[in-house]
Amino acid sequence: MQEVYNKFLSAGFAAFNENNARYLIKQYEYNYKKFLPENKSARILEIGAGMGRFLQFLGETGYENFLGIDISPESIQYCQEKGIKKVQLIKNLGEFFVGAGNYDLIVMNDVIEHLPKEETIETLKKIYEHLNTGGRFIVKTGNLSSLIGARIRYGEFTHYQGFTEYSLAQVVQIAGFSVFQAYPFRVPRNRVRRIVRAGLQMIVHALWKLIYFIEFTYPPKIVDEIIFVVAQK
């Protein structure tokens, strides 16, 4: 699989212009801002830096002591070329954590679905161990309870698994977190588009939830395309 990660961006994931970057940064602000540490000097780690959008958001928000890690050389090179210097290429997470110390916030954006099932719990346990007491963990992924759940699950070759709000909370709890909450990852819009989208989304979600309610005993509470869990040690 490392062969794929070596070409992760050039194999089809580099089609992002600056407008896309700004849009994603706004999404992080819209969804994550209230969960970030108040202390701008807090130690923050992003596992899976990708194209560095979350790291850009942290820097622009005033945080100073953050680091993004990734196993993809292309991702690290891309970040550095964009002026994002606080990144590090790693071989694996276990090796990185040796001597890394603890963090106030650890974030995984669209990474957990790339982990084999047999590695998922152990990875989350390592994250738990390397959080300071009271530190937070944010994990974001596609929601298989959404209308496009199948596309999310199979839309990328390196996806090993997929999650709903329940299964994502389940693995977080098994890893040791006792305080956690699942949220929909929402997309900010201008006023007109926000009103139109909210209306359409309300109708579609109501119909989708009705189908779930008819077919299943425990229908999902969140049917948005993307979900995230915020957990605290």
Protein backbone atom coordinates (compact mmCIF):
# COMPACT_ATOMS: atom_id res chain seq x y z
CA MET A 1 0.00 0.00 0.00
CA GLN A 2 2.94 2.35 0.56
CA GLU A 3 3.42 2.42 -3.21
CA VAL A 4 0.02 4.08 -3.49
CA TYR A 5 0.80 6.62 -0.76
CA ASN A 6 4.05 7.48 -2.51
CA LYS A 7 1.90 8.80 -5.38
CA PHE A 8 -1.12 9.76 -3.33
CA LEU A 9 -1.46 13.28 -4.75
CA SER A 10 -0.26 12.78 -8.32
CA ALA A 11 -2.57 9.78 -8.72
CA GLY A 12 -5.59 12.05 -8.62
CA PHE A 13 -5.78 13.99 -5.37
CA ALA A 14 -3.91 17.16 -6.32
CA ALA A 15 -6.75 18.81 -8.26
CA PHE A 16 -7.23 21.53 -5.64
CA ASN A 17 -6.84 25.20 -6.43
CA GLU A 18 -6.48 28.03 -3.94
CA ASN A 19 -10.24 28.59 -3.84
CA ASN A 20 -10.71 24.98 -2.76
CA ALA A 21 -8.07 25.51 -0.08
CA ARG A 22 -9.79 28.60 1.30
CA TYR A 23 -13.14 26.83 1.26
CA LEU A 24 -11.82 23.88 3.26
CA ILE A 25 -10.12 26.19 5.75
CA LYS A 26 -13.48 27.91 6.29
CA GLN A 27 -15.03 24.50 6.94
CA TYR A 28 -12.48 23.76 9.65
CA GLU A 29 -13.18 27.12 11.25
CA TYR A 30 -16.94 26.56 11.05
CA ASN A 31 -16.85 23.08 12.61
CA TYR A 32 -13.74 22.92 14.81
CA LYS A 33 -13.07 26.38 16.23
CA LYS A 34 -15.03 25.90 19.46
CA PHE A 35 -13.19 22.65 20.20
CA LEU A 36 -9.66 24.03 19.90
CA PRO A 37 -7.50 24.81 22.96
CA GLU A 38 -7.78 28.32 24.32
CA ASN A 39 -4.01 28.44 24.78
CA LYS A 40 -2.41 29.38 21.45
CA SER A 41 0.80 27.67 22.58
CA ALA A 42 -0.93 24.31 23.09
CA ARG A 43 0.76 21.28 21.51
CA ILE A 44 -1.31 20.13 18.53
CA LEU A 45 -0.68 17.15 16.27
CA GLU A 46 -2.42 16.33 13.01
CA ILE A 47 -2.07 12.71 11.92
CA GLY A 48 -2.30 12.68 8.14
CA ALA A 49 -1.34 16.20 7.09
CA GLY A 50 -2.47 15.65 3.49
CA MET A 51 -2.36 18.94 1.64
CA GLY A 52 -1.96 20.95 4.83
CA ARG A 53 -5.34 22.71 4.93
CA PHE A 54 -5.95 22.08 8.62
CA LEU A 55 -2.39 23.18 9.41
CA GLN A 56 -2.99 26.38 7.44
CA PHE A 57 -6.12 26.95 9.50
CA LEU A 58 -4.18 26.50 12.75
CA GLY A 59 -1.47 28.92 11.66
CA GLU A 60 -3.96 31.55 10.51
CA THR A 61 -5.89 31.16 13.79
CA GLY A 62 -2.77 32.03 15.77
CA TYR A 63 -1.56 28.65 17.00
CA GLU A 64 2.20 28.27 17.16
CA ASN A 65 3.09 24.81 18.46
CA PHE A 66 1.61 22.41 15.92
CA LEU A 67 2.91 19.63 13.69
CA GLY A 68 1.47 17.61 10.82
CA ILE A 69 2.75 14.12 10.05
CA ASP A 70 2.17 11.90 7.03
CA ILE A 71 3.49 8.71 5.43
CA SER A 72 3.17 10.20 1.94
CA PRO A 73 6.33 11.92 0.66
CA GLU A 74 4.23 13.78 -1.90
CA SER A 75 2.00 15.22 0.80
CA ILE A 76 4.95 16.48 2.83
CA GLN A 77 6.59 17.96 -0.26
CA TYR A 78 3.36 19.65 -1.29
CA CYS A 79 2.95 21.23 2.15
CA GLN A 80 6.51 22.51 2.15
CA GLU A 81 6.14 23.98 -1.32
CA LYS A 82 3.04 25.83 -0.08
CA GLY A 83 5.03 27.31 2.79
CA ILE A 84 3.74 24.93 5.44
CA LYS A 85 6.96 24.00 7.20
CA LYS A 86 5.65 22.31 10.34
CA VAL A 87 5.33 18.89 8.75
CA GLN A 88 7.23 15.64 9.12
CA LEU A 89 7.46 12.48 7.03
CA ILE A 90 7.10 9.33 9.14
CA LYS A 91 7.32 5.59 8.53
CA ASN A 92 4.59 4.68 10.98
CA LEU A 93 2.76 6.19 13.93
CA GLY A 94 4.19 3.86 16.55
CA GLU A 95 7.75 4.83 15.66
CA PHE A 96 6.84 8.53 15.65
CA PHE A 97 5.28 8.43 19.11
CA VAL A 98 8.49 7.09 20.70
CA GLY A 99 9.82 10.12 22.55
CA ALA A 100 7.20 12.45 21.03
CA GLY A 101 5.69 13.44 24.37
CA ASN A 102 2.06 14.34 24.93
CA TYR A 103 -0.29 16.71 23.13
CA ASP A 104 -3.21 18.93 24.07
CA LEU A 105 -5.04 18.15 20.82
CA ILE A 106 -4.64 15.36 18.28
CA VAL A 107 -6.60 15.44 15.03
CA MET A 108 -7.23 12.83 12.34
CA ASN A 109 -9.00 14.24 9.28
CA ASP A 110 -10.09 11.56 6.80
CA VAL A 111 -7.46 9.08 7.98
CA ILE A 112 -9.20 6.45 10.10
CA GLU A 113 -10.88 4.90 7.07
CA HIS A 114 -7.41 4.18 5.68
CA LEU A 115 -6.48 2.02 8.67
CA PRO A 116 -6.92 -1.77 8.55
CA LYS A 117 -9.47 -2.90 11.13
CA GLU A 118 -6.87 -4.85 13.09
CA GLU A 119 -4.82 -1.65 13.56
CA THR A 120 -7.63 0.78 14.36
CA ILE A 121 -8.11 0.20 18.10
CA GLU A 122 -4.38 0.05 18.82
CA THR A 123 -3.85 3.29 16.90
CA LEU A 124 -6.56 5.04 18.89
CA LYS A 125 -5.11 3.68 22.13
CA LYS A 126 -1.73 5.21 21.21
CA ILE A 127 -3.45 8.52 20.60
CA TYR A 128 -5.18 8.29 23.97
CA GLU A 129 -1.86 7.56 25.70
CA HIS A 130 -0.22 10.59 24.11
CA LEU A 131 -2.86 13.11 25.10
CA ASN A 132 -2.44 15.27 28.15
CA THR A 133 -5.12 14.92 30.81
CA GLY A 134 -8.08 16.95 29.58
CA GLY A 135 -6.68 16.88 26.04
CA ARG A 136 -8.97 16.39 23.08
CA PHE A 137 -9.03 14.08 20.09
CA ILE A 138 -10.94 14.98 16.90
CA VAL A 139 -11.51 12.30 14.27
CA LYS A 140 -13.34 13.05 11.01
CA THR A 141 -14.47 10.63 8.31
CA GLY A 142 -17.18 9.97 5.73
CA ASN A 143 -20.57 8.89 7.01
CA LEU A 144 -21.81 5.59 5.59
CA SER A 145 -25.32 6.42 6.84
CA SER A 146 -25.51 9.19 4.24
CA LEU A 147 -27.07 8.84 0.80
CA ILE A 148 -23.61 8.55 -0.77
CA GLY A 149 -22.28 6.07 1.79
CA ALA A 150 -21.21 3.54 -0.87
CA ARG A 151 -19.30 6.19 -2.81
CA ILE A 152 -17.53 7.28 0.37
CA ARG A 153 -16.56 3.72 1.24
CA TYR A 154 -15.32 2.69 -2.19
CA GLY A 155 -14.41 6.03 -3.73
CA GLU A 156 -10.71 5.68 -2.93
CA PHE A 157 -8.44 2.66 -3.30
CA THR A 158 -6.76 2.96 0.09
CA HIS A 159 -10.00 2.85 2.11
CA TYR A 160 -10.06 -0.26 4.31
CA GLN A 161 -13.28 0.47 6.16
CA GLY A 162 -16.12 2.92 6.70
CA PHE A 163 -17.99 4.35 9.68
CA THR A 164 -21.31 5.64 10.90
CA GLU A 165 -21.74 7.86 13.94
CA TYR A 166 -22.26 4.73 16.04
CA SER A 167 -19.26 2.70 14.88
CA LEU A 168 -16.98 5.75 15.05
CA ALA A 169 -18.06 6.44 18.64
CA GLN A 170 -17.72 2.73 19.39
CA VAL A 171 -14.04 2.48 18.48
CA VAL A 172 -13.28 5.73 20.32
CA GLN A 173 -14.91 4.36 23.46
CA ILE A 174 -13.12 1.01 23.19
CA ALA A 175 -9.81 2.90 22.94
CA GLY A 176 -10.41 4.36 26.40
CA PHE A 177 -12.23 7.65 25.90
CA SER A 178 -15.20 8.08 28.24
CA VAL A 179 -16.23 11.57 27.09
CA PHE A 180 -17.11 11.86 23.40
CA GLN A 181 -19.76 13.23 21.08
CA ALA A 182 -20.48 12.77 17.35
CA TYR A 183 -21.31 15.75 15.12
CA PRO A 184 -22.15 16.35 11.47
CA PHE A 185 -19.36 18.15 9.60
CA ARG A 186 -21.29 20.99 8.03
CA VAL A 187 -20.40 23.20 5.06
CA PRO A 188 -20.71 26.98 5.50
CA ARG A 189 -22.61 28.79 2.75
CA ASN A 190 -23.52 32.37 1.93
CA ARG A 191 -26.96 33.40 3.16
CA VAL A 192 -29.00 32.53 0.04
CA ARG A 193 -27.27 29.24 -0.67
CA ARG A 194 -27.39 28.36 3.03
CA ILE A 195 -31.17 28.84 3.17
CA VAL A 196 -31.78 26.90 -0.06
CA ARG A 197 -29.42 24.10 0.92
CA ALA A 198 -30.87 23.90 4.41
CA GLY A 199 -34.36 23.50 2.99
CA LEU A 200 -33.34 20.83 0.50
CA GLN A 201 -31.24 19.06 3.09
CA MET A 202 -34.14 19.03 5.54
CA ILE A 203 -36.40 17.36 2.97
CA VAL A 204 -33.81 14.82 1.80
CA HIS A 205 -32.71 13.96 5.33
CA ALA A 206 -36.31 13.56 6.49
CA LEU A 207 -37.04 11.12 3.66
CA TRP A 208 -33.80 9.25 4.22
CA LYS A 209 -34.46 8.96 7.95
CA LEU A 210 -37.99 7.76 7.22
CA ILE A 211 -36.57 4.95 5.07
CA TYR A 212 -34.18 4.03 7.87
CA PHE A 213 -36.99 4.17 10.42
CA ILE A 214 -39.14 1.81 8.36
CA GLU A 215 -36.33 -0.62 7.58
CA PHE A 216 -34.20 -0.58 10.73
CA THR A 217 -34.74 -0.68 14.47
CA TYR A 218 -32.11 1.98 15.23
CA PRO A 219 -32.13 4.69 12.53
CA PRO A 220 -29.14 7.07 12.45
CA LYS A 221 -29.31 10.50 14.02
CA ILE A 222 -26.78 11.93 11.54
CA VAL A 223 -27.17 11.41 7.80
CA ASP A 224 -24.82 14.18 6.63
CA GLU A 225 -22.01 13.13 4.30
CA ILE A 226 -19.24 13.72 6.83
CA ILE A 227 -19.12 13.16 10.58
CA PHE A 228 -16.60 13.82 13.31
CA VAL A 229 -16.22 12.77 16.92
CA VAL A 230 -14.73 14.98 19.63
CA ALA A 231 -13.34 12.99 22.55
CA GLN A 232 -11.62 14.06 25.73
CA LYS A 233 -9.15 12.25 27.94
